[in-house]
Amino acid sequence: MRVLHAGGSFIQGSTAEVGATGVLSGPHHLMFFQGGVHWSQWMNVLSTFVSDVRR
């Protein structure tokens, strides 16, 4: 089983740290997110993640 742990850093001067943990093996790909102060921060994280995984 492949597991991904991702930790960000402080975003836009906030004190909320962004982090994610997920299982990358099928049949289901699960990701658990925590932190952040606005949904747009997660949209940025997810778009970067999907782009990197597709490479």
N, C-alpha and C. Protein backbone atom coordinates (compact mmCIF):
# COMPACT_ATOMS: atom_id res chain seq x y z
N MET A 1 0.85 -1.16 0.00
CA MET A 1 0.00 0.00 0.00
C MET A 1 0.90 1.23 0.00
N ARG A 2 0.65 2.13 -0.92
CA ARG A 2 1.37 3.40 -0.99
C ARG A 2 0.58 4.46 -0.24
N VAL A 3 1.25 5.18 0.63
CA VAL A 3 0.61 6.22 1.43
C VAL A 3 1.33 7.53 1.18
N LEU A 4 0.57 8.59 1.04
CA LEU A 4 1.12 9.92 0.81
C LEU A 4 0.86 10.78 2.03
N HIS A 5 1.90 11.45 2.50
CA HIS A 5 1.77 12.44 3.58
C HIS A 5 2.28 13.75 3.02
N ALA A 6 1.47 14.76 3.05
CA ALA A 6 1.87 16.07 2.53
C ALA A 6 1.67 17.13 3.59
N GLY A 7 2.69 17.90 3.82
CA GLY A 7 2.58 19.00 4.75
C GLY A 7 2.96 20.30 4.06
N GLY A 8 2.12 21.26 4.18
CA GLY A 8 2.42 22.55 3.58
C GLY A 8 3.13 23.44 4.57
N SER A 9 3.06 24.68 4.33
CA SER A 9 3.59 25.65 5.28
C SER A 9 2.54 26.72 5.48
N PHE A 10 2.89 27.73 6.20
CA PHE A 10 1.91 28.77 6.46
C PHE A 10 1.54 29.47 5.16
N ILE A 11 0.26 29.67 4.94
CA ILE A 11 -0.25 30.22 3.69
C ILE A 11 -0.80 31.62 3.94
N GLN A 12 -0.39 32.54 3.13
CA GLN A 12 -0.89 33.92 3.16
C GLN A 12 -0.82 34.53 4.55
N GLY A 13 0.22 34.19 5.29
CA GLY A 13 0.40 34.78 6.60
C GLY A 13 -0.55 34.27 7.67
N SER A 14 -1.33 33.24 7.37
CA SER A 14 -2.27 32.72 8.37
C SER A 14 -1.54 31.82 9.35
N THR A 15 -2.20 31.45 10.42
CA THR A 15 -1.61 30.54 11.39
C THR A 15 -2.15 29.13 11.23
N ALA A 16 -2.92 28.87 10.18
CA ALA A 16 -3.47 27.54 9.94
C ALA A 16 -2.60 26.82 8.93
N GLU A 17 -2.02 25.70 9.33
CA GLU A 17 -1.17 24.93 8.44
C GLU A 17 -2.01 23.93 7.66
N VAL A 18 -1.65 23.73 6.40
CA VAL A 18 -2.37 22.82 5.52
C VAL A 18 -1.63 21.49 5.51
N GLY A 19 -2.36 20.38 5.67
CA GLY A 19 -1.76 19.06 5.61
C GLY A 19 -2.73 18.06 5.00
N ALA A 20 -2.17 16.98 4.46
CA ALA A 20 -3.00 15.95 3.84
C ALA A 20 -2.34 14.59 4.00
N THR A 21 -3.16 13.56 4.14
CA THR A 21 -2.70 12.18 4.20
C THR A 21 -3.63 11.37 3.32
N GLY A 22 -3.07 10.45 2.54
CA GLY A 22 -3.93 9.67 1.66
C GLY A 22 -3.32 8.35 1.27
N VAL A 23 -4.17 7.45 0.81
CA VAL A 23 -3.77 6.14 0.29
C VAL A 23 -3.81 6.21 -1.22
N LEU A 24 -2.69 5.87 -1.87
CA LEU A 24 -2.60 5.99 -3.32
C LEU A 24 -2.82 4.69 -4.06
N SER A 25 -3.10 3.60 -3.35
CA SER A 25 -3.34 2.33 -4.04
C SER A 25 -4.83 2.10 -4.20
N GLY A 26 -5.20 1.49 -5.32
CA GLY A 26 -6.61 1.27 -5.64
C GLY A 26 -7.23 0.19 -4.79
N PRO A 27 -8.50 -0.06 -4.97
CA PRO A 27 -9.31 0.49 -6.05
C PRO A 27 -9.80 1.90 -5.76
N HIS A 28 -9.68 2.36 -4.52
CA HIS A 28 -10.16 3.70 -4.17
C HIS A 28 -8.98 4.54 -3.70
N HIS A 29 -8.92 5.75 -4.18
CA HIS A 29 -7.88 6.68 -3.76
C HIS A 29 -8.51 7.64 -2.77
N LEU A 30 -8.03 7.61 -1.53
CA LEU A 30 -8.61 8.42 -0.46
C LEU A 30 -7.62 9.49 -0.03
N MET A 31 -8.12 10.66 0.30
CA MET A 31 -7.27 11.73 0.79
C MET A 31 -8.01 12.45 1.91
N PHE A 32 -7.32 12.66 3.02
CA PHE A 32 -7.89 13.36 4.16
C PHE A 32 -7.15 14.68 4.32
N PHE A 33 -7.89 15.77 4.36
CA PHE A 33 -7.31 17.11 4.42
C PHE A 33 -7.60 17.75 5.76
N GLN A 34 -6.68 18.60 6.19
CA GLN A 34 -6.91 19.36 7.41
C GLN A 34 -6.21 20.71 7.32
N GLY A 35 -6.77 21.68 7.98
CA GLY A 35 -6.17 23.01 8.01
C GLY A 35 -6.68 23.90 6.91
N GLY A 36 -6.04 25.04 6.79
CA GLY A 36 -6.44 26.03 5.79
C GLY A 36 -7.52 26.95 6.35
N VAL A 37 -7.61 28.11 5.78
CA VAL A 37 -8.60 29.07 6.25
C VAL A 37 -9.64 29.41 5.19
N HIS A 38 -9.45 28.93 3.96
CA HIS A 38 -10.41 29.23 2.90
C HIS A 38 -10.36 28.10 1.87
N TRP A 39 -11.50 27.78 1.26
CA TRP A 39 -11.57 26.67 0.31
C TRP A 39 -10.65 26.88 -0.89
N SER A 40 -10.36 28.14 -1.25
CA SER A 40 -9.51 28.40 -2.41
C SER A 40 -8.08 27.91 -2.19
N GLN A 41 -7.64 27.84 -0.94
CA GLN A 41 -6.31 27.29 -0.67
C GLN A 41 -6.27 25.81 -1.04
N TRP A 42 -7.34 25.08 -0.73
CA TRP A 42 -7.38 23.66 -1.06
C TRP A 42 -7.51 23.43 -2.56
N MET A 43 -8.18 24.33 -3.26
CA MET A 43 -8.26 24.19 -4.72
C MET A 43 -6.87 24.30 -5.33
N ASN A 44 -6.05 25.18 -4.81
CA ASN A 44 -4.67 25.32 -5.28
C ASN A 44 -3.86 24.06 -4.97
N VAL A 45 -4.00 23.54 -3.76
CA VAL A 45 -3.29 22.31 -3.36
C VAL A 45 -3.73 21.14 -4.23
N LEU A 46 -5.03 20.97 -4.42
CA LEU A 46 -5.54 19.84 -5.20
C LEU A 46 -5.12 19.91 -6.66
N SER A 47 -5.14 21.08 -7.25
CA SER A 47 -4.75 21.18 -8.65
C SER A 47 -3.27 20.86 -8.83
N THR A 48 -2.43 21.29 -7.89
CA THR A 48 -1.01 20.95 -7.95
C THR A 48 -0.80 19.46 -7.74
N PHE A 49 -1.52 18.87 -6.79
CA PHE A 49 -1.40 17.44 -6.50
C PHE A 49 -1.78 16.60 -7.71
N VAL A 50 -2.92 16.90 -8.31
CA VAL A 50 -3.39 16.13 -9.47
C VAL A 50 -2.41 16.27 -10.63
N SER A 51 -1.90 17.45 -10.83
CA SER A 51 -0.92 17.68 -11.90
C SER A 51 0.34 16.85 -11.67
N ASP A 52 0.83 16.80 -10.43
CA ASP A 52 2.04 16.03 -10.12
C ASP A 52 1.81 14.54 -10.23
N VAL A 53 0.66 14.05 -9.80
CA VAL A 53 0.37 12.62 -9.85
C VAL A 53 0.24 12.13 -11.29
N ARG A 54 -0.29 12.96 -12.16
CA ARG A 54 -0.47 12.57 -13.56
C ARG A 54 0.84 12.47 -14.33
N ARG A 55 1.92 13.09 -13.82
CA ARG A 55 3.21 13.04 -14.51
C ARG A 55 3.83 11.71 -14.46
